[in-house]
Amino acid sequence: MFLADTQLTANEVLRAFHHDEPYLFLGAAFTTVGVVAIAFCAVRRRFDPLLVWLAIFAHLYGQRLWLDAELLRLTIPPSEFFNRLTAVVDYLVPIPALLFFQAAGFLGRYGKPITIILTSLFSVLVLATAILGNWGIFHTVNDVAIIALILAMMAMLMRRRAERDFAVVRVGLFTFGILSIFDNTVRTLKIEPYGFAVLLGSLGYVAARRTLKRDEELGEIHKELELAKRIQLSLLPGPFPDSPAFRVAARYVPMNSVAGDLYDFLVADATRAGILIADVSGHGVPAALIASMVKMAAISQRAQAAHPGQLLTGMNRALCGNTQGQYVTAACVHIDAKSRELRYAAAGHPAMLLLRRGTVTEIAENGLLLAAVDEIEYRDRTIPIEPGDRFLLYTDGLLEARNGAGELFGEDSLANLVKATAAMPPAQAASEIVEQVQHWSRLQDDDLTVLVCDYTGVAIDL
């Protein structure tokens, strides 16, 4: 009797295995596709919605095939938990499919509300099944919703233009739709998984093609940004010429490949130094384009470098109406070693700092932002200078850098840092200031530009 029961069990297992063999294979294949797609996203370190939703869709469908296998039911005793788990997976499968179709644009202009409504419906079925159990009405609602979705998708794809992606998905969806509707209505044969294999292949093709195309486009964008970066760097001046009267150094750290910060040496000789610094509102390519316009405006007014207020007035008239609503802060200083005086003017820019005998003083003569109002006259502020003076021009990225607690670096910290670097040469001091700000903020969220100018006083004897 024991031998007969053992033989009967073996025969049942063998029969179940032969029945489930193609579905077990397909389930393993679908699960593998899901794992590979997720791994691909992880390797690229980039969230790709098409690949992610495709991976989850394939994985859940593969798991559903395994859970429905007769072989598994022979090895696992019947239980309420297993029945609920199987039903929950059934209701979860359509959710990533909807999200994939929405991300791919296959649901048309009504895609978002359709996705929200049906995702909410399937989520309710999942929760209801987990709490109340596997009721027959839940299966009916699920089947009706899936059939309606498939028919709607087929109708939409039939009306769409014959692009390659739509044509490929149309074949997969029609194959899956026909077999799925047959399975959900007749329930005598299990042929839907074969249709899913065709659908998964078509969706995988679309996801892979679009991912590769997007990578190619991103590659082209990166190349263009690198070119834009080189062009923008070419707008910046070279090192300040050797001068017995001045030691000038600059440190420029853009937030992105290109930036809205700009500086220039309008005058650079043995007895004079004319320095301009500017900051365009915003970041990235738009700000960089405006920065190039600011550079041209400054060049056109170079003859007024000895009078910073007049220079900014001319720049403002050149920029007004041409910056697409973006504004510019700027500051200009002209230092004359022979007359031992400094002229300074600014347009909405942070005040210049003067370090003299260990004390930091703000030098401010601020007008409105550039490109805001046409008829504005900017004024100079003139102050005497002394040998050993150090001047600091900078953009607001330094002051507005925030630490993990959200605290600004601020004016006081910058003034203290200027004092702490007083013994350093200008180049080292500029680098140290930027590094301390970066250490404070950890995450740079603005462009950083610093110019340090030392007046030696040697030119007095020329």
Protein backbone atom coordinates (compact mmCIF):
# COMPACT_ATOMS: atom_id res chain seq x y z
CA MET A 1 0.00 0.00 0.00
CA PHE A 2 2.85 2.39 0.88
CA LEU A 3 4.56 1.61 -2.44
CA ALA A 4 1.33 2.34 -4.30
CA ASP A 5 0.91 5.68 -2.52
CA THR A 6 4.54 6.56 -3.18
CA GLN A 7 4.19 5.63 -6.85
CA LEU A 8 0.99 7.65 -7.10
CA THR A 9 2.68 10.70 -5.57
CA ALA A 10 5.63 10.39 -7.92
CA ASN A 11 3.30 10.11 -10.87
CA GLU A 12 1.41 13.22 -9.73
CA VAL A 13 4.62 15.18 -9.34
CA LEU A 14 5.84 14.04 -12.75
CA ARG A 15 2.52 14.91 -14.36
CA ALA A 16 2.49 18.33 -12.67
CA PHE A 17 6.04 18.97 -13.76
CA HIS A 18 5.30 18.16 -17.38
CA HIS A 19 2.21 20.39 -17.24
CA ASP A 20 4.10 23.28 -15.63
CA GLU A 21 7.38 22.90 -17.50
CA PRO A 22 6.83 25.64 -20.11
CA TYR A 23 5.37 28.04 -17.53
CA LEU A 24 8.22 27.44 -15.09
CA PHE A 25 10.66 28.17 -17.88
CA LEU A 26 8.80 31.31 -18.92
CA GLY A 27 8.52 32.43 -15.29
CA ALA A 28 12.28 32.05 -14.85
CA ALA A 29 12.90 33.90 -18.13
CA PHE A 30 10.60 36.80 -17.20
CA THR A 31 12.13 37.07 -13.72
CA THR A 32 15.61 37.08 -15.25
CA VAL A 33 14.60 39.90 -17.60
CA GLY A 34 13.42 41.90 -14.60
CA VAL A 35 16.63 41.31 -12.64
CA VAL A 36 18.81 42.22 -15.65
CA ALA A 37 16.86 45.43 -16.30
CA ILE A 38 17.17 46.54 -12.65
CA ALA A 39 20.87 45.63 -12.64
CA PHE A 40 21.35 47.70 -15.79
CA CYS A 41 19.78 50.72 -14.09
CA ALA A 42 21.96 50.17 -11.02
CA VAL A 43 25.14 49.98 -13.11
CA ARG A 44 24.22 53.19 -14.94
CA ARG A 45 23.31 54.85 -11.60
CA ARG A 46 20.37 56.47 -13.26
CA PHE A 47 16.63 56.01 -12.73
CA ASP A 48 15.12 55.05 -16.07
CA PRO A 49 11.32 54.75 -15.62
CA LEU A 50 10.87 52.59 -18.71
CA LEU A 51 13.43 50.02 -17.56
CA VAL A 52 12.31 50.10 -13.93
CA TRP A 53 8.60 49.59 -14.64
CA LEU A 54 9.41 46.96 -17.27
CA ALA A 55 11.61 45.13 -14.75
CA ILE A 56 8.90 45.12 -12.06
CA PHE A 57 6.24 44.10 -14.58
CA ALA A 58 8.32 41.18 -15.86
CA HIS A 59 9.35 40.08 -12.38
CA LEU A 60 5.80 40.08 -10.98
CA TYR A 61 4.43 38.22 -13.98
CA GLY A 62 7.18 35.60 -13.67
CA GLN A 63 6.42 35.18 -9.97
CA ARG A 64 2.74 34.80 -10.77
CA LEU A 65 3.50 31.94 -13.15
CA TRP A 66 5.44 30.15 -10.43
CA LEU A 67 2.74 30.73 -7.83
CA ASP A 68 0.12 29.30 -10.21
CA ALA A 69 2.17 26.15 -10.89
CA GLU A 70 0.56 22.83 -9.90
CA LEU A 71 3.97 21.57 -8.81
CA LEU A 72 4.17 24.28 -6.17
CA ARG A 73 0.70 23.47 -4.89
CA LEU A 74 1.70 19.82 -4.45
CA THR A 75 4.63 20.81 -2.26
CA ILE A 76 2.92 23.56 -0.23
CA PRO A 77 -0.09 22.62 1.93
CA PRO A 78 -3.25 24.62 1.14
CA SER A 79 -3.49 27.74 3.28
CA GLU A 80 -5.36 31.02 3.40
CA PHE A 81 -2.06 32.92 3.35
CA PHE A 82 -0.94 31.27 0.10
CA ASN A 83 -4.32 31.94 -1.56
CA ARG A 84 -4.18 35.60 -0.55
CA LEU A 85 -0.56 35.92 -1.69
CA THR A 86 -1.39 34.50 -5.12
CA ALA A 87 -4.33 36.87 -5.55
CA VAL A 88 -2.32 39.88 -4.35
CA VAL A 89 0.38 39.20 -6.97
CA ASP A 90 -2.35 38.90 -9.63
CA TYR A 91 -3.65 42.37 -8.77
CA LEU A 92 -0.16 43.89 -8.54
CA VAL A 93 0.92 42.84 -12.04
CA PRO A 94 -1.07 45.50 -13.99
CA ILE A 95 0.29 48.43 -11.92
CA PRO A 96 3.86 48.54 -13.33
CA ALA A 97 2.40 47.84 -16.78
CA LEU A 98 0.26 50.98 -16.50
CA LEU A 99 3.20 53.03 -15.29
CA PHE A 100 5.32 51.76 -18.19
CA PHE A 101 2.70 52.67 -20.78
CA GLN A 102 2.26 56.09 -19.16
CA ALA A 103 6.02 56.76 -19.11
CA ALA A 104 6.32 55.63 -22.75
CA GLY A 105 3.49 57.91 -23.83
CA PHE A 106 1.30 55.09 -25.15
CA LEU A 107 -1.78 56.14 -23.18
CA GLY A 108 -2.20 59.45 -24.98
CA ARG A 109 -3.35 62.70 -23.42
CA TYR A 110 -5.61 60.89 -20.95
CA GLY A 111 -2.76 58.70 -19.75
CA LYS A 112 -2.31 60.36 -16.38
CA PRO A 113 -5.94 60.13 -15.17
CA ILE A 114 -6.25 56.60 -16.57
CA THR A 115 -3.12 55.56 -14.73
CA ILE A 116 -4.26 57.15 -11.47
CA ILE A 117 -7.74 55.60 -11.60
CA LEU A 118 -6.66 52.07 -12.53
CA THR A 119 -3.63 52.08 -10.24
CA SER A 120 -5.91 53.11 -7.39
CA LEU A 121 -8.36 50.35 -8.32
CA PHE A 122 -5.71 47.61 -8.37
CA SER A 123 -4.21 48.95 -5.14
CA VAL A 124 -7.62 48.72 -3.48
CA LEU A 125 -7.94 45.12 -4.68
CA VAL A 126 -4.53 44.33 -3.21
CA LEU A 127 -5.42 45.83 0.18
CA ALA A 128 -8.89 44.30 0.24
CA THR A 129 -7.52 40.85 -0.56
CA ALA A 130 -4.78 41.14 2.07
CA ILE A 131 -7.32 42.17 4.73
CA LEU A 132 -10.56 40.39 3.78
CA GLY A 133 -9.36 37.41 1.79
CA ASN A 134 -9.66 36.25 -1.81
CA TRP A 135 -13.28 37.03 -2.76
CA GLY A 136 -14.65 36.08 -6.14
CA ILE A 137 -15.89 39.60 -6.84
CA PHE A 138 -12.30 40.83 -6.69
CA HIS A 139 -11.32 38.49 -9.53
CA THR A 140 -14.28 39.68 -11.58
CA VAL A 141 -13.39 43.36 -11.11
CA ASN A 142 -9.74 42.61 -11.94
CA ASP A 143 -10.62 40.71 -15.11
CA VAL A 144 -13.03 43.39 -16.33
CA ALA A 145 -10.53 46.16 -15.68
CA ILE A 146 -7.72 44.33 -17.47
CA ILE A 147 -9.86 43.47 -20.49
CA ALA A 148 -11.10 47.08 -20.68
CA LEU A 149 -7.54 48.38 -20.45
CA ILE A 150 -6.28 46.03 -23.16
CA LEU A 151 -9.14 46.92 -25.49
CA ALA A 152 -8.61 50.65 -24.87
CA MET A 153 -4.88 50.31 -25.49
CA MET A 154 -5.49 48.39 -28.71
CA ALA A 155 -7.92 51.06 -29.90
CA MET A 156 -5.51 53.86 -29.05
CA LEU A 157 -2.57 52.21 -30.76
CA MET A 158 -4.66 51.61 -33.86
CA ARG A 159 -5.33 55.34 -34.10
CA ARG A 160 -1.74 56.41 -33.47
CA ARG A 161 0.66 57.23 -36.27
CA ALA A 162 2.75 54.38 -37.62
CA GLU A 163 6.00 55.09 -35.77
CA ARG A 164 8.39 52.26 -35.14
CA ASP A 165 7.77 52.06 -31.39
CA PHE A 166 4.00 52.10 -31.78
CA ALA A 167 4.13 49.48 -34.52
CA VAL A 168 6.25 47.14 -32.41
CA VAL A 169 4.15 47.60 -29.26
CA ARG A 170 0.99 47.17 -31.32
CA VAL A 171 2.06 43.68 -32.39
CA GLY A 172 2.98 42.68 -28.84
CA LEU A 173 -0.15 44.16 -27.31
CA PHE A 174 -2.49 42.62 -29.86
CA THR A 175 -0.91 39.21 -29.37
CA PHE A 176 -1.05 39.47 -25.59
CA GLY A 177 -4.49 41.06 -25.63
CA ILE A 178 -6.11 38.36 -27.70
CA LEU A 179 -4.58 35.54 -25.66
CA SER A 180 -5.27 37.32 -22.36
CA ILE A 181 -8.90 37.97 -23.20
CA PHE A 182 -9.23 34.34 -24.20
CA ASP A 183 -7.72 33.20 -20.88
CA ASN A 184 -9.84 35.59 -18.81
CA THR A 185 -13.08 34.52 -20.47
CA VAL A 186 -12.73 30.84 -21.42
CA ARG A 187 -10.25 29.67 -18.72
CA THR A 188 -9.76 26.27 -20.36
CA LEU A 189 -6.30 26.85 -21.76
CA LYS A 190 -3.35 28.74 -20.34
CA ILE A 191 -1.90 30.52 -23.35
CA GLU A 192 -1.62 34.06 -22.00
CA PRO A 193 2.04 33.61 -20.90
CA TYR A 194 3.06 33.07 -24.53
CA GLY A 195 1.37 36.32 -25.44
CA PHE A 196 3.14 38.00 -22.53
CA ALA A 197 6.48 36.77 -23.91
CA VAL A 198 5.71 38.54 -27.18
CA LEU A 199 4.54 41.67 -25.35
CA LEU A 200 7.59 41.68 -23.09
CA GLY A 201 9.83 41.38 -26.12
CA SER A 202 8.18 44.36 -27.79
CA LEU A 203 8.26 46.47 -24.62
CA GLY A 204 11.87 45.50 -24.01
CA TYR A 205 12.74 46.56 -27.54
CA VAL A 206 11.08 49.96 -27.03
CA ALA A 207 12.69 50.47 -23.60
CA ALA A 208 16.15 49.50 -24.88
CA ARG A 209 15.84 51.61 -28.03
CA ARG A 210 14.71 54.69 -26.12
CA THR A 211 17.35 54.20 -23.43
CA LEU A 212 20.11 53.98 -26.03
CA LYS A 213 18.71 56.96 -27.88
CA ARG A 214 18.54 58.95 -24.64
CA ASP A 215 22.12 57.99 -23.82
CA GLU A 216 23.23 59.15 -27.26
CA GLU A 217 21.41 62.45 -26.77
CA LEU A 218 22.95 62.86 -23.32
CA GLY A 219 26.35 62.13 -24.81
CA GLU A 220 25.84 64.85 -27.39
CA ILE A 221 24.67 67.24 -24.68
CA HIS A 222 27.77 66.49 -22.61
CA LYS A 223 29.97 67.17 -25.63
CA GLU A 224 28.19 70.46 -26.26
CA LEU A 225 28.50 71.41 -22.58
CA GLU A 226 32.22 70.66 -22.66
CA LEU A 227 32.56 72.86 -25.72
CA ALA A 228 30.49 75.57 -24.02
CA LYS A 229 32.71 75.26 -20.95
CA ARG A 230 35.86 75.74 -23.01
CA ILE A 231 34.30 78.71 -24.79
CA GLN A 232 33.24 80.30 -21.51
CA LEU A 233 36.66 79.75 -19.94
CA SER A 234 38.16 81.49 -22.96
CA LEU A 235 36.11 84.57 -22.01
CA LEU A 236 37.96 84.78 -18.70
CA PRO A 237 41.24 86.68 -18.72
CA GLY A 238 44.62 85.09 -18.24
CA PRO A 239 46.72 85.79 -15.13
CA PHE A 240 47.10 89.42 -14.16
CA PRO A 241 50.36 90.69 -15.68
CA ASP A 242 53.36 91.07 -13.40
CA SER A 243 53.20 94.49 -11.79
CA PRO A 244 55.32 96.15 -9.13
CA ALA A 245 52.23 97.80 -7.71
CA PHE A 246 49.66 94.98 -7.68
CA ARG A 247 49.38 91.28 -7.01
CA VAL A 248 46.07 89.95 -8.32
CA ALA A 249 44.71 86.39 -8.26
CA ALA A 250 41.32 84.88 -9.11
CA ARG A 251 39.60 81.62 -8.21
CA TYR A 252 36.58 80.58 -10.28
CA VAL A 253 34.55 77.44 -9.45
CA PRO A 254 31.32 77.01 -11.48
CA MET A 255 28.46 75.01 -10.03
CA ASN A 256 27.83 73.28 -13.35
CA SER A 257 29.84 72.86 -16.52
CA VAL A 258 29.00 76.43 -17.40
CA ALA A 259 28.16 79.28 -15.09
CA GLY A 260 26.82 82.80 -14.76
CA ASP A 261 29.81 84.23 -12.89
CA LEU A 262 32.28 86.39 -14.80
CA TYR A 263 35.33 88.50 -14.09
CA ASP A 264 37.70 90.56 -16.25
CA PHE A 265 40.79 92.74 -15.99
CA LEU A 266 39.75 95.89 -17.79
CA VAL A 267 43.04 97.65 -17.04
CA ALA A 268 46.27 95.89 -16.15
CA ASP A 269 49.54 97.79 -16.22
CA ALA A 270 52.34 98.90 -13.91
CA THR A 271 50.35 101.61 -12.15
CA ARG A 272 46.67 100.78 -12.67
CA ALA A 273 44.34 97.86 -12.07
CA GLY A 274 40.76 97.85 -13.33
CA ILE A 275 38.76 94.79 -12.25
CA LEU A 276 35.17 93.80 -13.05
CA ILE A 277 33.19 90.99 -11.44
CA ALA A 278 29.62 90.02 -12.38
CA ASP A 279 27.02 87.41 -11.46
CA VAL A 280 24.06 86.53 -13.69
CA SER A 281 20.89 85.32 -11.99
CA GLY A 282 20.21 81.62 -12.45
CA HIS A 283 22.59 78.83 -13.35
CA GLY A 284 23.72 76.69 -16.24
CA VAL A 285 23.52 77.41 -19.95
CA PRO A 286 21.04 80.36 -19.83
CA ALA A 287 23.17 82.18 -17.27
CA ALA A 288 26.33 81.41 -19.25
CA LEU A 289 24.83 82.90 -22.40
CA ILE A 290 23.94 86.09 -20.56
CA ALA A 291 27.43 86.14 -19.03
CA SER A 292 28.92 86.24 -22.54
CA MET A 293 26.70 89.25 -23.26
CA VAL A 294 27.95 90.91 -20.08
CA LYS A 295 31.51 90.31 -21.25
CA MET A 296 30.80 92.02 -24.58
CA ALA A 297 29.05 94.91 -22.82
CA ALA A 298 32.08 95.37 -20.57
CA ILE A 299 34.47 95.34 -23.52
CA SER A 300 32.39 97.99 -25.26
CA GLN A 301 32.78 100.23 -22.18
CA ARG A 302 36.46 99.51 -21.51
CA ALA A 303 37.37 103.15 -22.25
CA GLN A 304 35.41 104.10 -19.11
CA ALA A 305 37.35 101.72 -16.85
CA ALA A 306 38.83 104.59 -14.84
CA HIS A 307 35.27 105.64 -13.95
CA PRO A 308 33.46 102.50 -12.72
CA GLY A 309 30.11 104.27 -12.37
CA GLN A 310 30.12 105.36 -16.00
CA LEU A 311 31.24 101.91 -17.09
CA LEU A 312 28.32 100.23 -15.28
CA THR A 313 25.92 102.85 -16.69
CA GLY A 314 27.02 102.01 -20.24
CA MET A 315 26.81 98.27 -19.57
CA ASN A 316 23.30 98.63 -18.17
CA ARG A 317 22.09 100.46 -21.28
CA ALA A 318 23.61 97.76 -23.50
CA LEU A 319 22.00 94.93 -21.52
CA CYS A 320 18.52 96.32 -20.87
CA GLY A 321 15.90 94.47 -22.90
CA ASN A 322 18.37 91.81 -24.06
CA THR A 323 18.67 89.42 -21.11
CA GLN A 324 15.28 87.65 -21.31
CA GLY A 325 14.27 88.72 -17.82
CA GLN A 326 17.52 87.67 -16.15
CA TYR A 327 19.38 90.25 -14.12
CA VAL A 328 23.04 90.83 -13.42
CA THR A 329 24.89 92.00 -10.33
CA ALA A 330 28.29 93.57 -10.96
CA ALA A 331 31.07 95.48 -9.24
CA CYS A 332 33.93 97.42 -10.76
CA VAL A 333 37.03 98.82 -9.10
CA HIS A 334 39.78 100.98 -10.55
CA ILE A 335 42.96 101.35 -8.48
CA ASP A 336 45.54 103.99 -9.38
CA ALA A 337 48.95 103.55 -7.74
CA LYS A 338 50.19 107.01 -8.73
CA SER A 339 47.29 108.94 -7.23
CA ARG A 340 46.93 106.41 -4.40
CA GLU A 341 43.19 106.24 -4.75
CA LEU A 342 40.51 103.75 -5.56
CA ARG A 343 37.24 104.26 -7.40
CA TYR A 344 34.47 101.72 -6.85
CA ALA A 345 30.92 101.23 -8.11
CA ALA A 346 28.50 98.32 -7.95
CA ALA A 347 25.11 97.22 -9.22
CA GLY A 348 23.31 95.08 -6.64
CA HIS A 349 26.56 93.25 -5.87
CA PRO A 350 27.99 92.20 -2.47
CA ALA A 351 30.25 94.88 -1.01
CA MET A 352 33.98 94.77 -1.70
CA LEU A 353 36.11 94.02 1.36
CA LEU A 354 39.19 96.01 2.29
CA LEU A 355 41.75 94.47 4.62
CA ARG A 356 43.96 97.16 6.14
CA ARG A 357 46.26 96.61 9.12
CA GLY A 358 44.28 93.58 10.29
CA THR A 359 40.85 95.20 10.02
CA VAL A 360 38.24 94.30 7.40
CA THR A 361 36.01 97.10 6.11
CA GLU A 362 33.15 96.95 3.62
CA ILE A 363 33.32 99.29 0.62
CA ALA A 364 29.87 99.69 -0.89
CA GLU A 365 28.40 101.99 -3.54
CA ASN A 366 25.46 100.01 -4.83
CA GLY A 367 22.90 100.82 -7.48
CA LEU A 368 20.14 98.67 -8.95
CA LEU A 369 20.83 95.40 -10.73
CA LEU A 370 22.02 95.63 -14.31
CA ALA A 371 19.40 95.06 -17.05
CA ALA A 372 16.54 96.00 -14.71
CA VAL A 373 15.89 99.67 -15.55
CA ASP A 374 17.31 101.50 -18.52
CA GLU A 375 17.76 105.10 -17.36
CA ILE A 376 20.03 104.66 -14.35
CA GLU A 377 23.24 106.50 -13.54
CA TYR A 378 25.70 104.61 -11.36
CA ARG A 379 28.09 106.57 -9.12
CA ASP A 380 31.69 106.05 -8.03
CA ARG A 381 32.98 105.98 -4.51
CA THR A 382 36.56 107.22 -4.15
CA ILE A 383 38.79 106.31 -1.20
CA PRO A 384 42.53 106.66 -0.55
CA ILE A 385 44.65 103.51 -0.51
CA GLU A 386 47.74 102.54 1.43
CA PRO A 387 50.60 100.10 0.77
CA GLY A 388 49.68 96.68 2.12
CA ASP A 389 45.95 97.04 1.42
CA ARG A 390 44.16 93.92 0.25
CA PHE A 391 40.89 94.08 -1.70
CA LEU A 392 38.46 91.19 -2.08
CA LEU A 393 35.80 90.99 -4.79
CA TYR A 394 33.47 87.96 -4.79
CA THR A 395 30.05 86.67 -5.83
CA ASP A 396 27.18 85.90 -3.47
CA GLY A 397 27.74 82.16 -3.77
CA LEU A 398 30.24 82.52 -0.93
CA LEU A 399 27.89 84.34 1.42
CA GLU A 400 24.89 82.12 0.66
CA ALA A 401 26.63 78.76 1.01
CA ARG A 402 24.72 76.66 3.59
CA ASN A 403 25.89 73.92 5.89
CA GLY A 404 23.94 70.82 6.86
CA ALA A 405 21.94 72.81 9.42
CA GLY A 406 20.90 75.36 6.79
CA GLU A 407 23.11 78.12 8.21
CA LEU A 408 24.59 80.65 5.79
CA PHE A 409 28.34 81.11 5.60
CA GLY A 410 27.65 84.84 5.87
CA GLU A 411 29.55 88.09 5.89
CA ASP A 412 31.14 87.68 9.32
CA SER A 413 32.65 84.29 8.46
CA LEU A 414 34.01 85.68 5.20
CA ALA A 415 35.55 88.69 6.98
CA ASN A 416 37.20 86.39 9.53
CA LEU A 417 38.51 84.22 6.71
CA VAL A 418 39.99 87.26 4.98
CA LYS A 419 41.84 88.10 8.21
CA ALA A 420 43.01 84.50 8.65
CA THR A 421 44.53 84.46 5.16
CA ALA A 422 46.14 87.88 5.39
CA ALA A 423 49.70 86.48 5.43
CA MET A 424 49.11 84.30 2.37
CA PRO A 425 49.90 85.49 -1.16
CA PRO A 426 46.79 86.36 -3.22
CA ALA A 427 46.62 83.07 -5.15
CA GLN A 428 46.88 80.96 -1.99
CA ALA A 429 44.43 83.19 -0.13
CA ALA A 430 41.82 82.95 -2.92
CA SER A 431 42.13 79.14 -3.00
CA GLU A 432 41.90 78.88 0.78
CA ILE A 433 38.77 81.05 0.90
CA VAL A 434 36.98 78.95 -1.72
CA GLU A 435 38.05 75.67 -0.09
CA GLN A 436 36.77 76.80 3.31
CA VAL A 437 33.41 77.76 1.80
CA GLN A 438 33.19 74.39 0.03
CA HIS A 439 34.06 72.61 3.27
CA TRP A 440 31.29 74.55 5.02
CA SER A 441 28.57 73.79 2.47
CA ARG A 442 29.64 70.30 1.28
CA LEU A 443 27.09 70.60 -1.54
CA GLN A 444 27.84 73.52 -3.86
CA ASP A 445 24.59 75.10 -5.01
CA ASP A 446 25.94 78.26 -6.63
CA ASP A 447 28.91 79.47 -8.63
CA LEU A 448 31.91 80.66 -6.59
CA THR A 449 34.24 83.44 -7.75
CA VAL A 450 36.85 85.26 -5.69
CA LEU A 451 39.39 87.93 -6.72
CA VAL A 452 42.13 89.06 -4.35
CA CYS A 453 44.16 92.20 -5.11
CA ASP A 454 47.12 93.40 -3.05
CA TYR A 455 48.42 96.94 -3.39
CA THR A 456 52.15 96.98 -2.68
CA GLY A 457 52.80 100.70 -3.00
CA VAL A 458 55.95 100.15 -5.06
CA ALA A 459 54.52 102.07 -8.01
CA ILE A 460 54.71 105.29 -6.03
CA ASP A 461 58.38 105.58 -6.87
CA LEU A 462 57.96 105.00 -10.62
